[in-house]
Protein backbone atom coordinates (compact mmCIF):
# COMPACT_ATOMS: atom_id res chain seq x y z
CA MET A 1 -11.63 -69.88 -16.30
CA ALA A 2 -11.73 -67.84 -19.28
CA THR A 3 -13.39 -64.34 -19.38
CA THR A 4 -16.74 -63.72 -20.91
CA GLU A 5 -16.89 -61.54 -23.81
CA ALA A 6 -17.81 -57.98 -23.24
CA SER A 7 -21.36 -57.08 -23.65
CA THR A 8 -22.62 -55.92 -27.06
CA THR A 9 -24.03 -52.60 -25.69
CA GLN A 10 -21.19 -50.80 -24.14
CA ALA A 11 -22.09 -48.11 -21.47
CA VAL A 12 -20.70 -44.67 -22.34
CA GLY A 13 -20.09 -41.94 -19.56
CA LYS A 14 -18.15 -38.76 -19.21
CA ILE A 15 -15.12 -37.91 -17.35
CA THR A 16 -16.05 -35.55 -14.37
CA GLN A 17 -12.71 -35.08 -12.75
CA ILE A 18 -8.88 -36.13 -13.02
CA ILE A 19 -6.51 -36.13 -10.22
CA GLY A 20 -3.02 -37.49 -11.00
CA SER A 21 -3.34 -41.15 -12.07
CA THR A 22 -7.02 -41.34 -11.11
CA PHE A 23 -10.06 -40.17 -12.78
CA ASP A 24 -13.78 -40.07 -12.00
CA ALA A 25 -16.47 -40.83 -14.60
CA GLU A 26 -20.30 -40.49 -14.53
CA PHE A 27 -22.54 -43.09 -16.16
CA PRO A 28 -26.35 -43.58 -16.33
CA GLU A 29 -27.51 -45.36 -13.06
CA THR A 30 -28.62 -48.35 -15.01
CA GLN A 31 -25.40 -48.74 -16.79
CA LEU A 32 -22.80 -48.46 -13.79
CA PRO A 33 -19.72 -50.35 -14.48
CA GLU A 34 -18.77 -53.13 -12.16
CA ILE A 35 -15.71 -52.83 -9.88
CA TYR A 36 -12.42 -53.90 -11.71
CA ASN A 37 -14.12 -53.47 -15.20
CA ALA A 38 -11.78 -51.78 -17.76
CA LEU A 39 -12.92 -48.40 -19.02
CA THR A 40 -11.38 -47.02 -22.13
CA VAL A 41 -10.88 -43.39 -23.19
CA LYS A 42 -10.12 -43.09 -26.94
CA GLN A 43 -10.37 -39.51 -28.24
CA ASN A 44 -8.36 -36.89 -30.07
CA ASN A 45 -7.72 -33.69 -27.96
CA LYS A 46 -6.14 -30.71 -30.04
CA GLY A 47 -4.36 -33.15 -32.25
CA VAL A 48 -3.07 -35.48 -29.65
CA GLU A 49 -4.34 -39.02 -29.60
CA ILE A 50 -5.60 -40.04 -26.12
CA ASN A 51 -5.85 -43.84 -25.63
CA VAL A 52 -5.99 -44.69 -21.93
CA THR A 53 -7.44 -47.73 -20.20
CA GLY A 54 -8.67 -47.23 -16.66
CA GLU A 55 -9.91 -49.84 -13.95
CA VAL A 56 -12.92 -49.05 -11.91
CA GLN A 57 -11.82 -49.21 -8.24
CA GLN A 58 -14.83 -47.51 -6.41
CA HIS A 59 -18.49 -46.71 -6.81
CA LEU A 60 -18.97 -43.03 -5.45
CA GLY A 61 -22.80 -42.92 -5.69
CA GLY A 62 -24.98 -41.06 -8.06
CA GLY A 63 -23.86 -42.96 -11.11
CA ARG A 64 -20.08 -41.90 -10.53
CA VAL A 65 -17.12 -44.25 -10.40
CA ARG A 66 -13.59 -43.68 -9.43
CA CYS A 67 -10.89 -45.21 -11.66
CA VAL A 68 -7.18 -45.90 -11.70
CA ALA A 69 -5.61 -45.01 -14.97
CA LEU A 70 -3.31 -47.90 -16.36
CA GLY A 71 -1.40 -45.23 -18.34
CA SER A 72 -0.66 -41.39 -18.49
CA THR A 73 -3.46 -39.20 -18.02
CA ASP A 74 -1.80 -36.22 -19.87
CA GLY A 75 -4.20 -34.67 -22.35
CA MET A 76 -7.39 -36.10 -20.81
CA VAL A 77 -10.00 -33.50 -19.88
CA ARG A 78 -13.42 -33.28 -18.21
CA GLY A 79 -16.19 -34.03 -20.50
CA MET A 80 -14.34 -36.68 -22.44
CA ASP A 81 -16.30 -40.00 -23.40
CA VAL A 82 -15.35 -43.05 -21.44
CA THR A 83 -16.52 -46.50 -22.40
CA ASP A 84 -17.10 -49.53 -20.30
CA THR A 85 -15.64 -52.54 -21.88
CA GLY A 86 -17.95 -54.66 -19.83
CA ALA A 87 -15.24 -57.01 -18.52
CA PRO A 88 -11.98 -56.60 -16.37
CA VAL A 89 -8.45 -56.35 -17.95
CA SER A 90 -7.46 -59.81 -18.94
CA VAL A 91 -4.28 -61.31 -20.27
CA PRO A 92 -3.65 -64.33 -22.63
CA VAL A 93 -2.81 -67.63 -21.10
CA GLY A 94 -1.49 -70.87 -22.65
CA LYS A 95 1.56 -72.27 -24.28
CA GLY A 96 1.60 -69.44 -26.84
CA THR A 97 2.57 -67.02 -24.14
CA LEU A 98 5.84 -68.72 -23.20
CA GLY A 99 8.82 -66.66 -23.98
CA ARG A 100 6.70 -63.61 -24.76
CA VAL A 101 6.75 -60.16 -23.20
CA PHE A 102 3.38 -58.36 -22.52
CA ASN A 103 2.37 -55.00 -21.12
CA LEU A 104 -0.08 -54.74 -18.14
CA LEU A 105 -3.07 -54.99 -20.63
CA GLY A 106 -1.91 -58.28 -21.96
CA ASP A 107 -0.86 -56.83 -25.29
CA PRO A 108 2.34 -58.36 -26.70
CA VAL A 109 5.38 -55.77 -26.68
CA ASP A 110 8.20 -57.95 -28.16
CA GLY A 111 7.56 -57.16 -31.71
CA ARG A 112 6.70 -60.86 -32.56
CA GLY A 113 2.97 -60.24 -33.52
CA GLU A 114 -0.14 -61.57 -32.12
CA VAL A 115 -0.20 -64.19 -29.45
CA ALA A 116 -1.17 -67.75 -30.64
CA THR A 117 -3.66 -68.47 -27.80
CA GLU A 118 -7.45 -68.20 -27.87
CA GLU A 119 -7.82 -68.05 -23.90
CA ARG A 120 -7.52 -64.96 -21.78
CA TRP A 121 -8.00 -64.78 -18.06
CA PRO A 122 -9.04 -61.67 -16.02
CA ILE A 123 -6.22 -60.28 -13.79
CA HIS A 124 -8.64 -60.38 -10.75
CA ARG A 125 -9.85 -64.03 -10.18
CA LYS A 126 -10.85 -66.01 -7.23
CA ALA A 127 -8.06 -68.10 -5.72
CA PRO A 128 -8.01 -71.82 -6.81
CA ALA A 129 -9.89 -74.25 -4.57
CA LEU A 130 -7.81 -75.83 -1.78
CA GLU A 131 -8.18 -79.33 -3.37
CA ASN A 132 -6.68 -78.03 -6.61
CA LEU A 133 -3.43 -77.03 -4.82
CA SER A 134 -0.60 -79.28 -4.23
CA ALA A 135 0.18 -80.30 -0.75
CA LYS A 136 3.80 -81.25 -1.65
CA THR A 137 6.27 -78.66 -0.53
CA GLU A 138 8.95 -78.13 -3.12
CA LEU A 139 11.95 -75.67 -2.97
CA PHE A 140 12.59 -73.40 -5.81
CA GLU A 141 16.20 -73.12 -6.67
CA THR A 142 17.23 -69.55 -7.59
CA GLY A 143 20.81 -70.33 -8.61
CA ILE A 144 22.05 -67.79 -6.11
CA LYS A 145 23.87 -70.04 -3.42
CA VAL A 146 23.42 -67.64 -0.61
CA VAL A 147 19.73 -67.24 -1.17
CA ASP A 148 19.07 -70.87 -1.61
CA LEU A 149 20.83 -71.70 1.58
CA LEU A 150 19.75 -68.98 3.98
CA THR A 151 16.30 -68.08 2.49
CA PRO A 152 14.99 -70.86 0.40
CA PHE A 153 11.82 -70.08 -1.61
CA VAL A 154 8.91 -72.54 -1.82
CA ARG A 155 7.75 -73.16 -5.43
CA GLY A 156 4.54 -71.24 -6.05
CA GLY A 157 4.82 -69.29 -2.86
CA LYS A 158 5.37 -65.60 -2.40
CA ALA A 159 8.56 -63.76 -1.22
CA GLY A 160 9.13 -60.35 -0.01
CA LEU A 161 12.25 -58.29 -0.35
CA PHE A 162 12.64 -55.48 2.10
CA GLY A 163 15.64 -52.98 2.59
CA GLY A 164 16.79 -49.54 2.55
CA ALA A 165 18.00 -47.40 -0.12
CA GLY A 166 21.10 -48.50 -1.88
CA LEU A 167 21.25 -52.02 -0.30
CA GLY A 168 21.11 -54.01 -3.52
CA LYS A 169 17.49 -54.99 -3.84
CA THR A 170 17.33 -54.36 -7.61
CA VAL A 171 20.64 -56.20 -8.04
CA ILE A 172 19.27 -59.29 -6.36
CA LEU A 173 16.01 -59.17 -8.40
CA THR A 174 17.96 -58.62 -11.62
CA GLU A 175 20.14 -61.59 -10.79
CA LEU A 176 17.13 -63.73 -9.96
CA ILE A 177 15.50 -62.82 -13.28
CA ALA A 178 18.63 -63.52 -15.24
CA ARG A 179 19.33 -66.90 -13.56
CA ILE A 180 15.80 -68.17 -13.52
CA ALA A 181 15.33 -67.25 -17.15
CA SER A 182 18.73 -68.87 -18.22
CA ALA A 183 17.79 -71.98 -16.25
CA HIS A 184 14.35 -72.35 -17.54
CA GLY A 185 15.23 -71.44 -21.36
CA GLY A 186 13.41 -68.15 -21.43
């Protein structure tokens, strides 16, 4: 399911409030951005180039929306223009993404140029239909013997890692990443 292109007429609003990593923006009532739409703030403030993307999280009423900034809000001020992209944040998908490194906006950050793929999917999507899922349970070998023996992971499943400070959560995750990357060639 690829994203649709952003509408040709992009709604422009004004920032009304900035608190930490969230900001509120006001738009005309008829052009209110959808929940999860990406908003961009691209402006120059006293010689500092501001380029922040935010994601709409809440409609506050009266044409106002609350957004989570996906970058630093340093330099943003009330009254700045904010533009609705007309679509949620999306990332490239396909064979061209294998072995590449992206930021949370789907832009490549590995210095290898643009991604050779034409399709982008939104980061917020509906779950696949049940009939499209595999009913076969397959174990995912991590390469860490104690993990594979005591707490095996199911391929395609989710796993949580809980523990107090200084108990080695980061060490385990780093080892998982290194072993999985070396086992799968990337």
